[in-house]
Every structure is written in structure tokens, then in C-alpha cells.
Amino acid sequence: MDPNYLGWWYATGPDKPFAPSDPAFNIHHVVADDSATTGCVTIRNACGQTFALSRDLIAKIGSPAGMIWDRSQRAYVPLAGASC
């Protein structure tokens, strides 16, 4: 069975440390764990647009709700001030 990515998120933005309150970043959320496109989830961006994204890609670039990947700990850690 495939993992459930509902609620996962990722951010796009400038090459600087991510801060949830920084308007330079666009937050994308997984809003459906499936898609009309096989092997994809459905993403919604900050403008409300939805699109398909590969399940493999969200597994590589996404984080569970309220968490963020910490490279030094090689684990998901709570995101301070997160609304993601």
C-alpha cells in the first residue's frame, strides 16, 4: 500500500533559510492523496491552483504537516511557528 501524503507540504522560494512567515516563499499542500493522474497526489498552491505531482517527488521534497526536514539530524523535526 502506498503511503498517505495528505497534509504534506513543501515550499518554493529564494535560496535562503525557510521561515513560515516569510512572504517570499510559496507554500504548496497535498490536498488529495490521489489524482486523476496515476501515481500522483493533488497539490494546492497559495493562489488556490491545484495540480498533480508525482508521489515519488513529494516523498523527496515534502514534509509532514507541522514538520520540516533537518539535514543535520537526518530526520523530520517540528517546524517552529508552523502553519503548514
PDB file of N, CA and C in Angstrom:
ATOM      1  N   MET A   1       0.845  -1.189   0.000  1.00  0.00           N
ATOM      2  CA  MET A   1       0.000   0.000   0.000  1.00  0.00           C
ATOM      3  C   MET A   1       0.886   1.247   0.000  1.00  0.00           C
ATOM      4  N   ASP A   2       0.492   2.238  -0.802  1.00  0.00           N
ATOM      5  CA  ASP A   2       1.247   3.484  -0.883  1.00  0.00           C
ATOM      6  C   ASP A   2       1.086   4.303   0.393  1.00  0.00           C
ATOM      7  N   PRO A   3       2.134   5.047   0.789  1.00  0.00           N
ATOM      8  CA  PRO A   3       2.000   5.916   1.966  1.00  0.00           C
ATOM      9  C   PRO A   3       0.983   7.028   1.704  1.00  0.00           C
ATOM     10  N   ASN A   4       0.393   7.555   2.749  1.00  0.00           N
ATOM     11  CA  ASN A   4      -0.570   8.636   2.666  1.00  0.00           C
ATOM     12  C   ASN A   4       0.178   9.963   2.806  1.00  0.00           C
ATOM     13  N   TYR A   5       0.054  10.836   1.807  1.00  0.00           N
ATOM     14  CA  TYR A   5       0.738  12.131   1.834  1.00  0.00           C
ATOM     15  C   TYR A   5      -0.208  13.294   2.098  1.00  0.00           C
ATOM     16  N   LEU A   6      -1.469  13.024   2.418  1.00  0.00           N
ATOM     17  CA  LEU A   6      -2.428  14.086   2.681  1.00  0.00           C
ATOM     18  C   LEU A   6      -1.904  14.983   3.810  1.00  0.00           C
ATOM     19  N   GLY A   7      -1.876  16.291   3.569  1.00  0.00           N
ATOM     20  CA  GLY A   7      -1.383  17.250   4.557  1.00  0.00           C
ATOM     21  C   GLY A   7       0.094  17.574   4.422  1.00  0.00           C
ATOM     22  N   TRP A   8       0.840  16.784   3.647  1.00  0.00           N
ATOM     23  CA  TRP A   8       2.251  17.103   3.452  1.00  0.00           C
ATOM     24  C   TRP A   8       2.363  18.443   2.730  1.00  0.00           C
ATOM     25  N   TRP A   9       3.522  19.057   2.797  1.00  0.00           N
ATOM     26  CA  TRP A   9       3.725  20.363   2.203  1.00  0.00           C
ATOM     27  C   TRP A   9       5.168  20.508   1.733  1.00  0.00           C
ATOM     28  N   TYR A  10       5.377  21.508   0.889  1.00  0.00           N
ATOM     29  CA  TYR A  10       6.726  21.937   0.511  1.00  0.00           C
ATOM     30  C   TYR A  10       6.654  23.410   0.152  1.00  0.00           C
ATOM     31  N   ALA A  11       7.787  24.068   0.141  1.00  0.00           N
ATOM     32  CA  ALA A  11       7.839  25.496  -0.159  1.00  0.00           C
ATOM     33  C   ALA A  11       8.766  25.739  -1.336  1.00  0.00           C
ATOM     34  N   THR A  12       8.418  26.732  -2.134  1.00  0.00           N
ATOM     35  CA  THR A  12       9.313  27.208  -3.183  1.00  0.00           C
ATOM     36  C   THR A  12       9.616  28.666  -2.870  1.00  0.00           C
ATOM     37  N   GLY A  13      10.813  29.091  -3.224  1.00  0.00           N
ATOM     38  CA  GLY A  13      11.177  30.472  -2.949  1.00  0.00           C
ATOM     39  C   GLY A  13      12.659  30.702  -3.151  1.00  0.00           C
ATOM     40  N   PRO A  14      13.138  31.787  -2.590  1.00  0.00           N
ATOM     41  CA  PRO A  14      14.541  32.169  -2.780  1.00  0.00           C
ATOM     42  C   PRO A  14      15.507  31.220  -2.088  1.00  0.00           C
ATOM     43  N   ASP A  15      16.758  31.313  -2.473  1.00  0.00           N
ATOM     44  CA  ASP A  15      17.814  30.482  -1.896  1.00  0.00           C
ATOM     45  C   ASP A  15      18.278  31.109  -0.577  1.00  0.00           C
ATOM     46  N   LYS A  16      17.476  30.877   0.461  1.00  0.00           N
ATOM     47  CA  LYS A  16      17.795  31.350   1.813  1.00  0.00           C
ATOM     48  C   LYS A  16      17.046  30.454   2.777  1.00  0.00           C
ATOM     49  N   PRO A  17      17.394  30.492   4.049  1.00  0.00           N
ATOM     50  CA  PRO A  17      16.690  29.639   5.013  1.00  0.00           C
ATOM     51  C   PRO A  17      15.187  29.908   5.013  1.00  0.00           C
ATOM     52  N   PHE A  18      14.414  28.838   5.099  1.00  0.00           N
ATOM     53  CA  PHE A  18      12.959  28.945   5.087  1.00  0.00           C
ATOM     54  C   PHE A  18      12.428  29.446   6.414  1.00  0.00           C
ATOM     55  N   ALA A  19      11.490  30.373   6.355  1.00  0.00           N
ATOM     56  CA  ALA A  19      10.746  30.838   7.534  1.00  0.00           C
ATOM     57  C   ALA A  19       9.273  30.840   7.146  1.00  0.00           C
ATOM     58  N   PRO A  20       8.402  30.199   7.928  1.00  0.00           N
ATOM     59  CA  PRO A  20       6.999  30.100   7.546  1.00  0.00           C
ATOM     60  C   PRO A  20       6.311  31.444   7.346  1.00  0.00           C
ATOM     61  N   SER A  21       6.785  32.481   8.015  1.00  0.00           N
ATOM     62  CA  SER A  21       6.151  33.798   7.899  1.00  0.00           C
ATOM     63  C   SER A  21       6.732  34.655   6.772  1.00  0.00           C
ATOM     64  N   ASP A  22       7.750  34.169   6.071  1.00  0.00           N
ATOM     65  CA  ASP A  22       8.403  34.939   5.005  1.00  0.00           C
ATOM     66  C   ASP A  22       7.548  34.899   3.742  1.00  0.00           C
ATOM     67  N   PRO A  23       7.020  36.054   3.302  1.00  0.00           N
ATOM     68  CA  PRO A  23       6.158  36.075   2.117  1.00  0.00           C
ATOM     69  C   PRO A  23       6.896  35.759   0.807  1.00  0.00           C
ATOM     70  N   ALA A  24       8.209  35.644   0.857  1.00  0.00           N
ATOM     71  CA  ALA A  24       8.974  35.301  -0.345  1.00  0.00           C
ATOM     72  C   ALA A  24       8.787  33.834  -0.729  1.00  0.00           C
ATOM     73  N   PHE A  25       8.259  33.031   0.200  1.00  0.00           N
ATOM     74  CA  PHE A  25       8.059  31.601  -0.056  1.00  0.00           C
ATOM     75  C   PHE A  25       6.598  31.318  -0.390  1.00  0.00           C
ATOM     76  N   ASN A  26       6.398  30.383  -1.310  1.00  0.00           N
ATOM     77  CA  ASN A  26       5.064  29.919  -1.681  1.00  0.00           C
ATOM     78  C   ASN A  26       4.907  28.512  -1.129  1.00  0.00           C
ATOM     79  N   ILE A  27       3.900  28.320  -0.290  1.00  0.00           N
ATOM     80  CA  ILE A  27       3.658  27.020   0.335  1.00  0.00           C
ATOM     81  C   ILE A  27       2.694  26.219  -0.536  1.00  0.00           C
ATOM     82  N   HIS A  28       3.024  24.962  -0.752  1.00  0.00           N
ATOM     83  CA  HIS A  28       2.193  24.032  -1.516  1.00  0.00           C
ATOM     84  C   HIS A  28       1.788  22.893  -0.591  1.00  0.00           C
ATOM     85  N   HIS A  29       0.489  22.558  -0.561  1.00  0.00           N
ATOM     86  CA  HIS A  29      -0.020  21.491   0.303  1.00  0.00           C
ATOM     87  C   HIS A  29      -0.603  20.353  -0.523  1.00  0.00           C
ATOM     88  N   VAL A  30      -0.437  19.139  -0.035  1.00  0.00           N
ATOM     89  CA  VAL A  30      -1.127  17.990  -0.623  1.00  0.00           C
ATOM     90  C   VAL A  30      -2.558  18.033  -0.102  1.00  0.00           C
ATOM     91  N   VAL A  31      -3.527  18.180  -1.019  1.00  0.00           N
ATOM     92  CA  VAL A  31      -4.931  18.283  -0.620  1.00  0.00           C
ATOM     93  C   VAL A  31      -5.724  17.019  -0.951  1.00  0.00           C
ATOM     94  N   ALA A  32      -5.129  16.122  -1.728  1.00  0.00           N
ATOM     95  CA  ALA A  32      -5.747  14.823  -2.009  1.00  0.00           C
ATOM     96  C   ALA A  32      -4.634  13.819  -2.221  1.00  0.00           C
ATOM     97  N   ASP A  33      -4.777  12.657  -1.607  1.00  0.00           N
ATOM     98  CA  ASP A  33      -3.730  11.645  -1.687  1.00  0.00           C
ATOM     99  C   ASP A  33      -3.795  10.852  -2.995  1.00  0.00           C
ATOM    100  N   ASP A  34      -4.609  11.339  -3.908  1.00  0.00           N
ATOM    101  CA  ASP A  34      -4.673  10.731  -5.232  1.00  0.00           C
ATOM    102  C   ASP A  34      -4.871  11.854  -6.240  1.00  0.00           C
ATOM    103  N   SER A  35      -4.954  11.498  -7.491  1.00  0.00           N
ATOM    104  CA  SER A  35      -5.093  12.473  -8.554  1.00  0.00           C
ATOM    105  C   SER A  35      -5.697  11.770  -9.745  1.00  0.00           C
ATOM    106  N   ALA A  36      -6.183  12.547 -10.689  1.00  0.00           N
ATOM    107  CA  ALA A  36      -6.655  11.959 -11.947  1.00  0.00           C
ATOM    108  C   ALA A  36      -5.477  11.364 -12.711  1.00  0.00           C
ATOM    109  N   THR A  37      -4.272  11.772 -12.358  1.00  0.00           N
ATOM    110  CA  THR A  37      -3.065  11.253 -12.978  1.00  0.00           C
ATOM    111  C   THR A  37      -2.505  10.123 -12.112  1.00  0.00           C
ATOM    112  N   THR A  38      -2.385   8.946 -12.671  1.00  0.00           N
ATOM    113  CA  THR A  38      -1.893   7.779 -11.940  1.00  0.00           C
ATOM    114  C   THR A  38      -0.514   8.047 -11.345  1.00  0.00           C
ATOM    115  N   GLY A  39      -0.317   7.652 -10.089  1.00  0.00           N
ATOM    116  CA  GLY A  39       0.977   7.797  -9.420  1.00  0.00           C
ATOM    117  C   GLY A  39       1.239   9.186  -8.877  1.00  0.00           C
ATOM    118  N   CYS A  40       0.186  10.014  -8.796  1.00  0.00           N
ATOM    119  CA  CYS A  40       0.357  11.395  -8.341  1.00  0.00           C
ATOM    120  C   CYS A  40      -0.572  11.711  -7.174  1.00  0.00           C
ATOM    121  N   VAL A  41      -0.245  12.793  -6.473  1.00  0.00           N
ATOM    122  CA  VAL A  41      -1.116  13.389  -5.467  1.00  0.00           C
ATOM    123  C   VAL A  41      -1.599  14.721  -6.033  1.00  0.00           C
ATOM    124  N   THR A  42      -2.585  15.333  -5.378  1.00  0.00           N
ATOM    125  CA  THR A  42      -3.065  16.640  -5.810  1.00  0.00           C
ATOM    126  C   THR A  42      -2.530  17.705  -4.866  1.00  0.00           C
ATOM    127  N   ILE A  43      -1.913  18.731  -5.454  1.00  0.00           N
ATOM    128  CA  ILE A  43      -1.291  19.835  -4.717  1.00  0.00           C
ATOM    129  C   ILE A  43      -2.129  21.090  -4.886  1.00  0.00           C
ATOM    130  N   ARG A  44      -2.201  21.928  -3.835  1.00  0.00           N
ATOM    131  CA  ARG A  44      -2.794  23.268  -3.946  1.00  0.00           C
ATOM    132  C   ARG A  44      -1.736  24.276  -3.522  1.00  0.00           C
ATOM    133  N   ASN A  45      -1.534  25.303  -4.363  1.00  0.00           N
ATOM    134  CA  ASN A  45      -0.562  26.338  -4.017  1.00  0.00           C
ATOM    135  C   ASN A  45      -1.254  27.488  -3.292  1.00  0.00           C
ATOM    136  N   ALA A  46      -0.508  28.514  -2.926  1.00  0.00           N
ATOM    137  CA  ALA A  46      -1.034  29.628  -2.145  1.00  0.00           C
ATOM    138  C   ALA A  46      -2.108  30.413  -2.892  1.00  0.00           C
ATOM    139  N   CYS A  47      -2.119  30.341  -4.207  1.00  0.00           N
ATOM    140  CA  CYS A  47      -3.133  31.038  -5.016  1.00  0.00           C
ATOM    141  C   CYS A  47      -4.392  30.214  -5.200  1.00  0.00           C
ATOM    142  N   GLY A  48      -4.399  28.977  -4.674  1.00  0.00           N
ATOM    143  CA  GLY A  48      -5.560  28.122  -4.791  1.00  0.00           C
ATOM    144  C   GLY A  48      -5.572  27.238  -6.023  1.00  0.00           C
ATOM    145  N   GLN A  49      -4.529  27.310  -6.838  1.00  0.00           N
ATOM    146  CA  GLN A  49      -4.452  26.454  -8.020  1.00  0.00           C
ATOM    147  C   GLN A  49      -4.104  25.035  -7.591  1.00  0.00           C
ATOM    148  N   THR A  50      -4.685  24.042  -8.259  1.00  0.00           N
ATOM    149  CA  THR A  50      -4.370  22.651  -7.957  1.00  0.00           C
ATOM    150  C   THR A  50      -3.720  22.004  -9.171  1.00  0.00           C
ATOM    151  N   PHE A  51      -2.855  21.037  -8.894  1.00  0.00           N
ATOM    152  CA  PHE A  51      -2.159  20.321  -9.959  1.00  0.00           C
ATOM    153  C   PHE A  51      -1.658  18.995  -9.415  1.00  0.00           C
ATOM    154  N   ALA A  52      -1.338  18.094 -10.332  1.00  0.00           N
ATOM    155  CA  ALA A  52      -0.812  16.776  -9.959  1.00  0.00           C
ATOM    156  C   ALA A  52       0.696  16.866  -9.739  1.00  0.00           C
ATOM    157  N   LEU A  53       1.181  16.087  -8.783  1.00  0.00           N
ATOM    158  CA  LEU A  53       2.613  15.981  -8.515  1.00  0.00           C
ATOM    159  C   LEU A  53       2.920  14.517  -8.219  1.00  0.00           C
ATOM    160  N   SER A  54       3.988  14.038  -8.766  1.00  0.00           N
ATOM    161  CA  SER A  54       4.396  12.649  -8.579  1.00  0.00           C
ATOM    162  C   SER A  54       4.526  12.301  -7.097  1.00  0.00           C
ATOM    163  N   ARG A  55       4.011  11.124  -6.732  1.00  0.00           N
ATOM    164  CA  ARG A  55       4.147  10.637  -5.352  1.00  0.00           C
ATOM    165  C   ARG A  55       5.635  10.500  -4.989  1.00  0.00           C
ATOM    166  N   ASP A  56       6.448  10.065  -5.941  1.00  0.00           N
ATOM    167  CA  ASP A  56       7.885   9.936  -5.688  1.00  0.00           C
ATOM    168  C   ASP A  56       8.511  11.289  -5.369  1.00  0.00           C
ATOM    169  N   LEU A  57       8.071  12.336  -6.084  1.00  0.00           N
ATOM    170  CA  LEU A  57       8.650  13.663  -5.853  1.00  0.00           C
ATOM    171  C   LEU A  57       8.215  14.235  -4.509  1.00  0.00           C
ATOM    172  N   ILE A  58       6.935  14.102  -4.136  1.00  0.00           N
ATOM    173  CA  ILE A  58       6.516  14.633  -2.833  1.00  0.00           C
ATOM    174  C   ILE A  58       7.234  13.902  -1.708  1.00  0.00           C
ATOM    175  N   ALA A  59       7.539  12.631  -1.899  1.00  0.00           N
ATOM    176  CA  ALA A  59       8.293  11.885  -0.887  1.00  0.00           C
ATOM    177  C   ALA A  59       9.699  12.442  -0.723  1.00  0.00           C
ATOM    178  N   LYS A  60      10.265  12.996  -1.808  1.00  0.00           N
ATOM    179  CA  LYS A  60      11.635  13.539  -1.758  1.00  0.00           C
ATOM    180  C   LYS A  60      11.689  14.975  -1.271  1.00  0.00           C
ATOM    181  N   ILE A  61      10.705  15.802  -1.637  1.00  0.00           N
ATOM    182  CA  ILE A  61      10.795  17.235  -1.333  1.00  0.00           C
ATOM    183  C   ILE A  61       9.826  17.699  -0.263  1.00  0.00           C
ATOM    184  N   GLY A  62       8.860  16.875   0.121  1.00  0.00           N
ATOM    185  CA  GLY A  62       7.831  17.296   1.067  1.00  0.00           C
ATOM    186  C   GLY A  62       8.139  16.948   2.506  1.00  0.00           C
ATOM    187  N   SER A  63       7.330  17.511   3.385  1.00  0.00           N
ATOM    188  CA  SER A  63       7.407  17.225   4.822  1.00  0.00           C
ATOM    189  C   SER A  63       5.994  17.033   5.356  1.00  0.00           C
ATOM    190  N   PRO A  64       5.841  16.200   6.386  1.00  0.00           N
ATOM    191  CA  PRO A  64       4.523  16.071   7.013  1.00  0.00           C
ATOM    192  C   PRO A  64       4.077  17.406   7.612  1.00  0.00           C
ATOM    193  N   ALA A  65       2.785  17.583   7.781  1.00  0.00           N
ATOM    194  CA  ALA A  65       2.242  18.816   8.362  1.00  0.00           C
ATOM    195  C   ALA A  65       2.933  19.141   9.681  1.00  0.00           C
ATOM    196  N   GLY A  66       3.353  20.403   9.838  1.00  0.00           N
ATOM    197  CA  GLY A  66       3.970  20.866  11.074  1.00  0.00           C
ATOM    198  C   GLY A  66       5.406  20.434  11.285  1.00  0.00           C
ATOM    199  N   MET A  67       5.980  19.759  10.292  1.00  0.00           N
ATOM    200  CA  MET A  67       7.350  19.258  10.415  1.00  0.00           C
ATOM    201  C   MET A  67       8.202  19.821   9.274  1.00  0.00           C
ATOM    202  N   ILE A  68       9.508  19.732   9.424  1.00  0.00           N
ATOM    203  CA  ILE A  68      10.443  20.106   8.373  1.00  0.00           C
ATOM    204  C   ILE A  68      11.653  19.182   8.471  1.00  0.00           C
ATOM    205  N   TRP A  69      12.275  18.896   7.332  1.00  0.00           N
ATOM    206  CA  TRP A  69      13.443  18.017   7.307  1.00  0.00           C
ATOM    207  C   TRP A  69      14.653  18.765   7.841  1.00  0.00           C
ATOM    208  N   ASP A  70      15.326  18.190   8.808  1.00  0.00           N
ATOM    209  CA  ASP A  70      16.554  18.756   9.370  1.00  0.00           C
ATOM    210  C   ASP A  70      17.713  17.934   8.834  1.00  0.00           C
ATOM    211  N   ARG A  71      18.524  18.556   7.981  1.00  0.00           N
ATOM    212  CA  ARG A  71      19.633  17.831   7.348  1.00  0.00           C
ATOM    213  C   ARG A  71      20.655  17.333   8.358  1.00  0.00           C
ATOM    214  N   SER A  72      20.915  18.130   9.392  1.00  0.00           N
ATOM    215  CA  SER A  72      21.937  17.717  10.356  1.00  0.00           C
ATOM    216  C   SER A  72      21.473  16.513  11.181  1.00  0.00           C
ATOM    217  N   GLN A  73      20.183  16.451  11.511  1.00  0.00           N
ATOM    218  CA  GLN A  73      19.661  15.329  12.290  1.00  0.00           C
ATOM    219  C   GLN A  73      19.187  14.182  11.401  1.00  0.00           C
ATOM    220  N   ARG A  74      19.072  14.469  10.100  1.00  0.00           N
ATOM    221  CA  ARG A  74      18.566  13.493   9.134  1.00  0.00           C
ATOM    222  C   ARG A  74      17.225  12.917   9.586  1.00  0.00           C
ATOM    223  N   ALA A  75      16.334  13.868   9.995  1.00  0.00           N
ATOM    224  CA  ALA A  75      15.011  13.481  10.486  1.00  0.00           C
ATOM    225  C   ALA A  75      14.056  14.667  10.366  1.00  0.00           C
ATOM    226  N   TYR A  76      12.745  14.380  10.370  1.00  0.00           N
ATOM    227  CA  TYR A  76      11.748  15.447  10.437  1.00  0.00           C
ATOM    228  C   TYR A  76      11.703  15.960  11.861  1.00  0.00           C
ATOM    229  N   VAL A  77      11.674  17.269  12.004  1.00  0.00           N
ATOM    230  CA  VAL A  77      11.588  17.912  13.318  1.00  0.00           C
ATOM    231  C   VAL A  77      10.437  18.918  13.281  1.00  0.00           C
ATOM    232  N   PRO A  78       9.868  19.266  14.448  1.00  0.00           N
ATOM    233  CA  PRO A  78       8.786  20.257  14.459  1.00  0.00           C
ATOM    234  C   PRO A  78       9.263  21.596  13.879  1.00  0.00           C
ATOM    235  N   LEU A  79       8.412  22.191  13.068  1.00  0.00           N
ATOM    236  CA  LEU A  79       8.712  23.486  12.462  1.00  0.00           C
ATOM    237  C   LEU A  79       8.185  24.571  13.383  1.00  0.00           C
ATOM    238  N   ALA A  80       9.067  25.366  13.981  1.00  0.00           N
ATOM    239  CA  ALA A  80       8.666  26.428  14.899  1.00  0.00           C
ATOM    240  C   ALA A  80       7.786  27.438  14.173  1.00  0.00           C
ATOM    241  N   GLY A  81       6.653  27.750  14.763  1.00  0.00           N
ATOM    242  CA  GLY A  81       5.744  28.728  14.173  1.00  0.00           C
ATOM    243  C   GLY A  81       5.036  28.219  12.931  1.00  0.00           C
ATOM    244  N   ALA A  82       4.977  26.913  12.772  1.00  0.00           N
ATOM    245  CA  ALA A  82       4.427  26.337  11.544  1.00  0.00           C
ATOM    246  C   ALA A  82       2.918  26.455  11.476  1.00  0.00           C
ATOM    247  N   SER A  83       2.454  26.793  10.290  1.00  0.00           N
ATOM    248  CA  SER A  83       1.037  26.697   9.985  1.00  0.00           C
ATOM    249  C   SER A  83       0.884  25.808   8.764  1.00  0.00           C
ATOM    250  N   CYS A  84       1.918  25.067   8.470  1.00  0.00           N
ATOM    251  CA  CYS A  84       1.943  24.208   7.285  1.00  0.00           C
ATOM    252  C   CYS A  84       1.345  22.855   7.595  1.00  0.00           C
TER     253      CYS A  84
END
